Amino acid sequence: MNYKFVTLLFALNIANLKCFDLPRKIGQISVKNAAFLNFRTNTANSNKYDLLISTFTGSPFSGGNVEMISNVGDHYDNFGQTRTVKLAGGLAWPNEVAGVPDSVFGKSMVVIPDGFLVPFHTKGAIYLVDISTGSPQGPYKITGTKEGNWFYHRVLFKDMDGDGDLDIVTCRAREPIFTIFSSKDSELLWLENPDNHQYTSVWQEHVITHGPDVYFRNLKIATPDGTLDVIATTEFFTRKLSIHWTTDSQNRWTDKSKIHSRVVDSNAGALFDIEVRDLNLDGKQDLLVVSNGNNGSVLAYEIPDDFRVGKFERHTLATGFTPATSGTGKGAPGSAFGFYPMKQNTTDKKPYILVSGDDDGKGYILEPSSSRTDDWSYLSHKFVDVGKGTVGQFAFADVNADGYTDIVVPAYNDGTVSLYTFAPSMSDTATTFG
């Protein structure tokens, strides 16, 4: 064997690899049944980040909680000693908790979409919590119990009727075990912000369409007839990706004759989370979608020049995600987000993709294989592995303003929340993968 040749070939291969530093873990706290994480921008404190944490359990005798860590960046160097503050308890199944824009009520608030299909946890709602004082006030329920028990996953504040006030856009579903009491249904709808902006009683509901059930995103898309206001939705139970738009000149969603819908894809499995991002850096927005199941995938859809009639090209970015254990309702992956490990040089590089494996118990970072706009291949790097447990929804931001992205990971079964960072350690011990 020509060992010199082999050595030279190995050296050339190593030189051609794109080396990539995985984030390193810098701290961990205990939070029982930590599930969904999200950052809220604290505008009252130099735009620092508050970490919102939802917890829940399948036990019929236990409710869910929402907790918060204020100004996470202040705890960066001693995250393991950080304590959470409870914002609300006794909930059914709190999902993606989020901050409310300060302009809605003139003070700091948090919104909680609640409920799920798990027995004894199906009675969901949307709640608001006032966190502007030293002690959280609420939760205040602003949805009714019309036609059975609904569950909610995500909330968006958006002016839907053109009156200048931010309303609530959401999706909801009900999946009763016994349909004798209520039927299965799912809806995309908006809740009208009342004239007096009260948040202690029910807001008026306006159903846009039936079908969307869990996640959605709002975006503006240019067409030959102008730019239109669009809501892209995943339909987990009916296994569809759909888009909805209004042709109202003021982007209002009040006239149903001006609201239109089309199915983008009905052959991609049970679609879960969705994000809007220019993934291949061609100057056009794409849809980043997760197909959740026993052989789940991360998918990308290119938005055509005229989304109303054109074909959305689908690309599989990663696949083969499998739950670590079998069981009803188990699936993988959970969510995917485009991001950059650091703030420098982000304008001329494709974003990386952060993937929560959900019931496969892992966290991944997908690295673009090249800078070509027609190359949709990625290298997958695992940076979290909790074994046979579940990881929830990650949150990411540069929490301490050092120029590097930080990632917070909830391990549901382990009862932990861990902080990772792309910032190099003083001893430069970050693990490098090719």
Protein backbone atom coordinates (compact mmCIF):
# COMPACT_ATOMS: atom_id res chain seq x y z
CA MET A 1 0.00 0.00 0.00
CA ASN A 2 1.26 3.47 -0.86
CA TYR A 3 1.02 5.07 2.60
CA LYS A 4 2.29 8.43 1.36
CA PHE A 5 -0.53 8.56 -1.18
CA VAL A 6 -3.13 7.63 1.46
CA THR A 7 -1.76 10.25 3.84
CA LEU A 8 -1.84 12.90 1.12
CA LEU A 9 -5.39 11.97 0.13
CA PHE A 10 -6.53 12.15 3.77
CA ALA A 11 -4.92 15.56 4.17
CA LEU A 12 -6.61 16.86 1.03
CA ASN A 13 -10.01 15.60 2.22
CA ILE A 14 -9.57 17.25 5.59
CA ALA A 15 -8.59 20.51 3.89
CA ASN A 16 -11.75 20.45 1.81
CA LEU A 17 -14.08 19.90 4.78
CA LYS A 18 -16.10 22.82 6.08
CA CYS A 19 -15.27 22.78 9.75
CA PHE A 20 -18.02 23.87 12.08
CA ASP A 21 -17.92 24.46 15.83
CA LEU A 22 -20.92 23.04 17.67
CA PRO A 23 -22.34 25.05 20.56
CA ARG A 24 -21.00 24.18 23.98
CA LYS A 25 -23.07 23.74 27.11
CA ILE A 26 -22.41 26.35 29.78
CA GLY A 27 -25.13 25.74 32.35
CA GLN A 28 -28.24 23.84 33.37
CA ILE A 29 -31.16 24.35 35.75
CA SER A 30 -33.95 22.07 36.96
CA VAL A 31 -37.43 22.73 35.57
CA LYS A 32 -39.82 19.80 35.90
CA ASN A 33 -41.47 18.81 32.60
CA ALA A 34 -39.95 21.72 30.66
CA ALA A 35 -41.58 21.73 27.22
CA PHE A 36 -41.81 24.92 25.13
CA LEU A 37 -39.28 27.73 25.34
CA ASN A 38 -39.49 31.20 23.83
CA PHE A 39 -37.72 34.51 24.26
CA ARG A 40 -39.55 37.72 25.04
CA THR A 41 -37.76 40.98 24.31
CA ASN A 42 -37.81 43.05 27.49
CA THR A 43 -38.10 46.56 26.05
CA ALA A 44 -38.21 48.07 29.54
CA ASN A 45 -34.72 46.81 30.27
CA SER A 46 -32.43 47.72 27.36
CA ASN A 47 -34.05 45.14 25.06
CA LYS A 48 -32.76 42.21 27.09
CA TYR A 49 -34.32 38.77 26.77
CA ASP A 50 -36.74 37.09 29.17
CA LEU A 51 -36.98 33.30 28.84
CA LEU A 52 -40.55 31.97 28.86
CA ILE A 53 -40.98 28.30 29.84
CA SER A 54 -44.10 26.17 29.60
CA THR A 55 -44.47 22.92 31.53
CA PHE A 56 -47.18 20.26 31.44
CA THR A 57 -47.84 16.63 32.27
CA GLY A 58 -50.13 13.92 30.96
CA SER A 59 -51.37 13.18 34.48
CA PRO A 60 -55.09 13.91 34.92
CA PHE A 61 -54.35 15.24 38.39
CA SER A 62 -51.72 17.83 37.47
CA GLY A 63 -51.94 21.09 35.58
CA GLY A 64 -49.40 23.00 33.54
CA ASN A 65 -47.38 26.05 34.51
CA VAL A 66 -45.71 28.99 32.81
CA GLU A 67 -42.43 30.23 34.29
CA MET A 68 -39.98 32.98 33.37
CA ILE A 69 -36.35 33.94 33.80
CA SER A 70 -35.92 37.69 33.46
CA ASN A 71 -32.92 39.08 31.59
CA VAL A 72 -31.26 35.75 30.81
CA GLY A 73 -28.06 37.46 29.71
CA ASP A 74 -27.51 38.72 33.26
CA HIS A 75 -27.30 35.08 34.37
CA TYR A 76 -25.03 33.95 31.55
CA ASP A 77 -22.00 33.21 33.73
CA ASN A 78 -23.99 31.54 36.52
CA PHE A 79 -26.93 30.03 34.69
CA GLY A 80 -26.89 26.94 36.91
CA GLN A 81 -27.86 29.07 39.93
CA THR A 82 -30.73 30.81 38.14
CA ARG A 83 -34.26 30.53 39.51
CA THR A 84 -37.51 30.84 37.62
CA VAL A 85 -40.56 32.93 38.51
CA LYS A 86 -44.00 31.37 38.14
CA LEU A 87 -46.35 33.43 35.95
CA ALA A 88 -49.38 31.12 35.85
CA GLY A 89 -50.43 27.69 37.09
CA GLY A 90 -53.28 25.24 36.87
CA LEU A 91 -53.33 25.36 33.07
CA ALA A 92 -54.33 22.48 30.81
CA TRP A 93 -51.30 22.19 28.52
CA PRO A 94 -49.50 25.51 27.84
CA ASN A 95 -47.77 25.57 24.47
CA GLU A 96 -45.78 28.37 22.74
CA VAL A 97 -45.95 31.16 25.30
CA ALA A 98 -44.96 34.55 23.87
CA GLY A 99 -44.56 38.17 24.76
CA VAL A 100 -47.29 40.65 23.82
CA PRO A 101 -46.15 43.76 21.91
CA ASP A 102 -46.09 46.65 24.38
CA SER A 103 -48.26 48.72 22.04
CA VAL A 104 -51.27 46.41 22.51
CA PHE A 105 -51.98 47.24 26.15
CA GLY A 106 -49.33 49.83 26.94
CA LYS A 107 -47.51 47.53 29.36
CA SER A 108 -45.66 44.22 29.59
CA MET A 109 -47.90 41.19 29.03
CA VAL A 110 -47.52 37.52 28.13
CA VAL A 111 -49.92 35.43 26.03
CA ILE A 112 -50.50 31.72 26.68
CA PRO A 113 -52.04 29.39 24.06
CA ASP A 114 -53.24 26.38 26.02
CA GLY A 115 -54.62 22.85 25.69
CA PHE A 116 -53.96 19.64 23.77
CA LEU A 117 -55.68 16.42 22.68
CA VAL A 118 -54.44 14.44 25.69
CA PRO A 119 -57.40 13.30 27.85
CA PHE A 120 -58.16 15.65 30.77
CA HIS A 121 -56.11 18.40 29.08
CA THR A 122 -58.35 19.23 26.12
CA LYS A 123 -60.04 22.28 27.64
CA GLY A 124 -57.70 24.86 26.19
CA ALA A 125 -57.92 28.63 25.84
CA ILE A 126 -55.89 31.75 25.20
CA TYR A 127 -54.83 33.55 28.35
CA LEU A 128 -53.12 36.86 29.06
CA VAL A 129 -50.87 37.59 32.04
CA ASP A 130 -49.85 41.05 33.22
CA ILE A 131 -46.16 41.06 34.17
CA SER A 132 -45.75 44.84 34.38
CA THR A 133 -45.75 44.86 38.19
CA GLY A 134 -43.73 42.98 40.76
CA SER A 135 -46.32 40.20 40.95
CA PRO A 136 -47.86 38.56 37.85
CA GLN A 137 -51.58 39.25 37.45
CA GLY A 138 -53.88 36.72 35.79
CA PRO A 139 -54.17 34.56 33.82
CA TYR A 140 -57.11 36.23 32.07
CA LYS A 141 -59.08 34.10 29.63
CA ILE A 142 -60.11 35.79 26.36
CA THR A 143 -61.53 32.80 24.46
CA GLY A 144 -64.89 31.15 25.02
CA THR A 145 -65.97 27.51 25.14
CA LYS A 146 -68.11 27.59 22.01
CA GLU A 147 -68.80 24.16 20.49
CA GLY A 148 -66.61 22.12 22.79
CA ASN A 149 -63.02 22.14 24.00
CA TRP A 150 -60.41 23.74 21.72
CA PHE A 151 -56.64 23.70 22.05
CA TYR A 152 -54.27 26.42 20.82
CA HIS A 153 -50.54 26.37 20.03
CA ARG A 154 -49.44 29.76 18.65
CA VAL A 155 -50.59 33.39 18.78
CA LEU A 156 -49.76 36.32 16.50
CA PHE A 157 -50.70 39.95 17.16
CA LYS A 158 -51.78 41.63 13.93
CA ASP A 159 -54.28 44.29 12.84
CA MET A 160 -56.90 42.24 11.00
CA ASP A 161 -59.68 44.82 10.58
CA GLY A 162 -57.73 47.98 9.77
CA ASP A 163 -58.70 49.91 12.91
CA GLY A 164 -55.11 50.41 14.05
CA ASP A 165 -55.34 47.99 16.98
CA LEU A 166 -53.46 44.69 17.07
CA ASP A 167 -55.82 41.72 17.13
CA ILE A 168 -54.95 38.07 17.75
CA VAL A 169 -54.49 35.51 14.96
CA THR A 170 -54.41 31.85 15.93
CA CYS A 171 -55.26 28.29 14.92
CA ARG A 172 -57.16 25.85 17.06
CA ALA A 173 -58.41 22.28 16.97
CA ARG A 174 -60.58 19.88 18.87
CA GLU A 175 -60.13 16.13 18.73
CA PRO A 176 -62.69 14.63 21.12
CA ILE A 177 -62.39 10.97 22.02
CA PHE A 178 -66.17 10.65 22.01
CA THR A 179 -67.76 12.59 19.15
CA ILE A 180 -71.22 12.24 20.67
CA PHE A 181 -70.50 15.38 22.69
CA SER A 182 -68.74 17.43 20.00
CA SER A 183 -67.30 16.88 16.54
CA LYS A 184 -63.71 17.09 15.35
CA ASP A 185 -62.82 20.43 13.80
CA SER A 186 -59.96 22.86 13.26
CA GLU A 187 -59.93 26.55 12.41
CA LEU A 188 -57.83 29.54 11.43
CA LEU A 189 -59.39 32.54 13.16
CA TRP A 190 -58.78 35.95 14.65
CA LEU A 191 -59.91 37.51 17.91
CA GLU A 192 -60.97 41.13 17.75
CA ASN A 193 -59.25 43.53 20.13
CA PRO A 194 -62.16 45.41 21.75
CA ASP A 195 -62.43 49.17 21.54
CA ASN A 196 -61.62 49.54 25.23
CA HIS A 197 -58.66 47.13 24.95
CA GLN A 198 -59.81 45.10 27.94
CA TYR A 199 -58.19 41.72 28.52
CA THR A 200 -60.23 40.25 31.37
CA SER A 201 -63.12 38.83 29.32
CA VAL A 202 -63.77 37.05 26.02
CA TRP A 203 -62.85 38.70 22.70
CA GLN A 204 -65.09 38.34 19.65
CA GLU A 205 -64.07 35.48 17.35
CA HIS A 206 -63.94 35.61 13.53
CA VAL A 207 -63.34 32.28 11.77
CA ILE A 208 -61.37 32.64 8.52
CA THR A 209 -61.46 29.01 7.38
CA HIS A 210 -61.52 25.41 8.58
CA GLY A 211 -58.55 23.04 8.32
CA PRO A 212 -55.52 24.77 9.91
CA ASP A 213 -55.00 23.39 13.40
CA VAL A 214 -51.62 24.04 15.01
CA TYR A 215 -48.98 26.33 13.50
CA PHE A 216 -48.93 29.21 11.03
CA ARG A 217 -46.91 32.22 9.88
CA ASN A 218 -47.83 35.58 8.37
CA LEU A 219 -45.89 37.00 5.42
CA LYS A 220 -46.15 39.43 2.52
CA ILE A 221 -45.69 37.95 -0.96
CA ALA A 222 -45.20 39.93 -4.17
CA THR A 223 -47.35 38.94 -7.17
CA PRO A 224 -47.88 40.36 -10.67
CA ASP A 225 -50.90 42.15 -9.16
CA GLY A 226 -49.07 43.62 -6.18
CA THR A 227 -48.02 42.47 -2.74
CA LEU A 228 -50.57 40.41 -0.82
CA ASP A 229 -50.99 39.64 2.86
CA VAL A 230 -50.67 35.87 3.36
CA ILE A 231 -51.06 33.38 6.20
CA ALA A 232 -49.31 30.04 5.63
CA THR A 233 -50.66 27.18 7.73
CA THR A 234 -49.79 23.59 8.52
CA GLU A 235 -52.60 21.08 8.97
CA PHE A 236 -51.34 18.30 11.20
CA PHE A 237 -54.49 16.21 11.36
CA THR A 238 -55.51 16.58 7.70
CA ARG A 239 -51.85 16.41 6.58
CA LYS A 240 -51.75 19.53 4.41
CA LEU A 241 -49.75 22.69 3.83
CA SER A 242 -52.06 25.56 2.86
CA ILE A 243 -51.90 29.28 2.19
CA HIS A 244 -54.59 31.90 2.67
CA TRP A 245 -54.64 35.50 1.49
CA THR A 246 -56.78 38.58 1.32
CA THR A 247 -57.25 40.79 -1.74
CA ASP A 248 -58.53 43.69 0.36
CA SER A 249 -56.65 46.86 -0.59
CA GLN A 250 -56.05 47.64 3.10
CA ASN A 251 -54.99 44.07 3.97
CA ARG A 252 -58.12 43.56 6.04
CA TRP A 253 -59.50 40.08 6.74
CA THR A 254 -63.08 41.14 7.42
CA ASP A 255 -64.70 40.42 4.04
CA LYS A 256 -64.84 36.68 3.38
CA SER A 257 -65.46 37.27 -0.32
CA LYS A 258 -61.93 38.69 -0.51
CA ILE A 259 -60.28 35.82 1.36
CA HIS A 260 -58.86 32.97 -0.72
CA SER A 261 -57.11 29.67 0.03
CA ARG A 262 -55.23 26.92 -1.75
CA VAL A 263 -53.56 23.67 -0.73
CA VAL A 264 -49.82 23.72 -1.41
CA ASP A 265 -49.07 20.09 -0.53
CA SER A 266 -51.14 17.15 0.71
CA ASN A 267 -48.48 14.45 0.36
CA ALA A 268 -45.85 15.39 2.92
CA GLY A 269 -47.22 13.76 6.06
CA ALA A 270 -48.44 15.31 9.29
CA LEU A 271 -47.06 18.84 9.03
CA PHE A 272 -46.26 20.58 12.28
CA ASP A 273 -44.16 23.73 12.64
CA ILE A 274 -43.50 26.31 9.93
CA GLU A 275 -41.16 29.28 9.46
CA VAL A 276 -40.57 31.85 6.72
CA ARG A 277 -36.92 32.28 5.70
CA ASP A 278 -34.74 32.80 2.62
CA LEU A 279 -32.96 29.47 2.96
CA ASN A 280 -30.93 29.34 -0.26
CA LEU A 281 -30.07 33.06 -0.33
CA ASP A 282 -31.66 33.76 -3.71
CA GLY A 283 -33.43 36.86 -2.38
CA LYS A 284 -36.80 35.10 -2.11
CA GLN A 285 -38.61 33.83 0.95
CA ASP A 286 -39.06 30.10 1.43
CA LEU A 287 -41.25 28.04 3.75
CA LEU A 288 -39.37 25.89 6.26
CA VAL A 289 -41.71 23.11 7.39
CA VAL A 290 -41.48 20.11 9.71
CA SER A 291 -43.20 16.82 8.91
CA ASN A 292 -43.70 15.10 12.27
CA GLY A 293 -44.13 11.33 12.57
CA ASN A 294 -42.35 7.96 12.70
CA ASN A 295 -40.13 8.94 9.75
CA GLY A 296 -40.16 12.70 10.03
CA SER A 297 -38.49 15.27 7.81
CA VAL A 298 -37.40 18.88 7.56
CA LEU A 299 -38.75 20.34 4.31
CA ALA A 300 -38.31 23.53 2.32
CA TYR A 301 -40.78 24.98 -0.17
CA GLU A 302 -39.78 27.57 -2.74
CA ILE A 303 -42.49 30.19 -3.19
CA PRO A 304 -43.25 30.62 -6.93
CA ASP A 305 -43.43 33.95 -8.75
CA ASP A 306 -47.22 33.82 -8.43
CA PHE A 307 -48.04 31.81 -5.32
CA ARG A 308 -51.74 31.78 -6.19
CA VAL A 309 -51.28 29.43 -9.15
CA GLY A 310 -47.60 28.43 -9.33
CA LYS A 311 -46.00 25.24 -8.08
CA PHE A 312 -44.21 25.25 -4.74
CA GLU A 313 -41.05 23.20 -5.28
CA ARG A 314 -40.43 20.95 -2.28
CA HIS A 315 -36.96 19.99 -1.06
CA THR A 316 -36.14 17.47 1.66
CA LEU A 317 -33.38 18.96 3.81
CA ALA A 318 -33.19 16.12 6.34
CA THR A 319 -35.24 12.99 6.96
CA GLY A 320 -35.35 9.76 8.94
CA PHE A 321 -36.26 11.35 12.29
CA THR A 322 -37.73 8.58 14.47
CA PRO A 323 -39.11 8.64 18.04
CA ALA A 324 -36.78 6.98 20.53
CA THR A 325 -39.71 5.05 22.01
CA SER A 326 -43.02 3.96 20.52
CA GLY A 327 -46.37 5.19 21.75
CA THR A 328 -49.52 7.10 20.86
CA GLY A 329 -48.79 10.65 19.80
CA LYS A 330 -45.03 10.15 19.49
CA GLY A 331 -43.35 11.95 16.60
CA ALA A 332 -40.18 13.60 15.35
CA PRO A 333 -38.90 16.19 14.64
CA GLY A 334 -40.67 19.04 16.45
CA SER A 335 -39.54 22.39 15.05
CA ALA A 336 -36.96 23.97 12.75
CA PHE A 337 -35.65 27.54 12.67
CA GLY A 338 -33.17 29.32 10.43
CA PHE A 339 -30.36 31.10 12.28
CA TYR A 340 -26.71 32.17 12.21
CA PRO A 341 -24.15 31.08 14.84
CA MET A 342 -22.74 34.60 14.99
CA LYS A 343 -23.70 38.05 13.77
CA GLN A 344 -20.71 38.60 11.49
CA ASN A 345 -20.90 37.75 7.79
CA THR A 346 -24.58 36.82 7.76
CA THR A 347 -25.58 38.69 4.61
CA ASP A 348 -23.71 36.50 2.13
CA LYS A 349 -24.17 33.07 3.73
CA LYS A 350 -27.09 30.70 3.85
CA PRO A 351 -28.61 30.37 7.31
CA TYR A 352 -28.04 27.26 9.37
CA ILE A 353 -31.12 25.37 10.59
CA LEU A 354 -31.75 24.53 14.23
CA VAL A 355 -33.88 21.39 14.65
CA SER A 356 -35.58 20.08 17.77
CA GLY A 357 -35.94 16.31 17.44
CA ASP A 358 -38.96 16.20 19.78
CA ASP A 359 -39.52 12.54 20.68
CA ASP A 360 -36.23 11.38 19.18
CA GLY A 361 -34.55 13.11 22.12
CA LYS A 362 -31.95 15.01 20.12
CA GLY A 363 -31.05 18.47 18.91
CA TYR A 364 -29.49 19.09 15.51
CA ILE A 365 -27.89 21.83 13.48
CA LEU A 366 -28.17 21.55 9.72
CA GLU A 367 -25.24 23.14 7.90
CA PRO A 368 -25.63 24.15 4.23
CA SER A 369 -23.35 22.02 2.05
CA SER A 370 -22.52 24.89 -0.30
CA SER A 371 -23.37 28.48 -1.16
CA ARG A 372 -25.10 27.54 -4.43
CA THR A 373 -28.73 28.62 -4.61
CA ASP A 374 -29.68 25.36 -6.35
CA ASP A 375 -28.05 23.17 -3.71
CA TRP A 376 -30.53 22.08 -1.03
CA SER A 377 -28.25 19.54 0.68
CA TYR A 378 -27.20 19.89 4.31
CA LEU A 379 -24.78 18.33 6.76
CA SER A 380 -26.46 17.27 10.00
CA HIS A 381 -24.68 17.82 13.32
CA LYS A 382 -26.08 16.50 16.61
CA PHE A 383 -25.37 18.65 19.65
CA VAL A 384 -28.00 17.38 22.13
CA ASP A 385 -28.90 13.81 23.08
CA VAL A 386 -31.15 13.06 26.06
CA GLY A 387 -31.50 9.36 25.28
CA LYS A 388 -35.05 8.03 25.19
CA GLY A 389 -36.54 11.25 26.51
CA THR A 390 -38.15 14.18 24.71
CA VAL A 391 -36.68 17.57 23.89
CA GLY A 392 -39.12 20.45 23.58
CA GLN A 393 -39.05 23.63 21.53
CA PHE A 394 -35.70 25.44 21.59
CA ALA A 395 -35.21 29.17 21.97
CA PHE A 396 -32.24 31.05 20.53
CA ALA A 397 -30.85 34.59 20.63
CA ASP A 398 -27.67 36.45 21.50
CA VAL A 399 -28.68 36.86 25.13
CA ASN A 400 -25.54 38.63 26.39
CA ALA A 401 -24.76 40.71 23.27
CA ASP A 402 -21.34 39.14 22.67
CA GLY A 403 -22.03 38.55 18.98
CA TYR A 404 -22.65 34.80 19.31
CA THR A 405 -25.97 32.95 19.25
CA ASP A 406 -27.07 31.17 22.41
CA ILE A 407 -29.51 28.23 22.43
CA VAL A 408 -31.71 27.12 25.32
CA VAL A 409 -32.83 23.48 25.32
CA PRO A 410 -35.65 21.92 27.40
CA ALA A 411 -35.30 18.22 28.27
CA TYR A 412 -38.82 17.19 29.24
CA ASN A 413 -38.19 13.81 30.92
CA ASP A 414 -34.94 14.92 32.55
CA GLY A 415 -36.62 18.04 33.94
CA THR A 416 -33.83 20.37 32.85
CA VAL A 417 -33.29 23.53 30.85
CA SER A 418 -29.76 23.91 29.45
CA LEU A 419 -27.96 26.91 27.99
CA TYR A 420 -25.60 26.44 25.03
CA THR A 421 -23.50 29.02 23.22
CA PHE A 422 -21.47 29.32 20.04
CA ALA A 423 -19.06 31.66 21.79
CA PRO A 424 -15.63 30.03 22.15
CA SER A 425 -14.49 29.25 25.67
CA MET A 426 -11.43 30.89 27.13
CA SER A 427 -9.53 27.65 26.52
CA ASP A 428 -11.10 27.24 23.06
CA THR A 429 -12.48 23.78 23.88
CA ALA A 430 -15.48 23.78 21.54
CA THR A 431 -15.89 20.48 19.66
CA THR A 432 -15.22 20.74 15.94
CA PHE A 433 -16.93 18.55 13.37
CA GLY A 434 -16.54 18.43 9.63
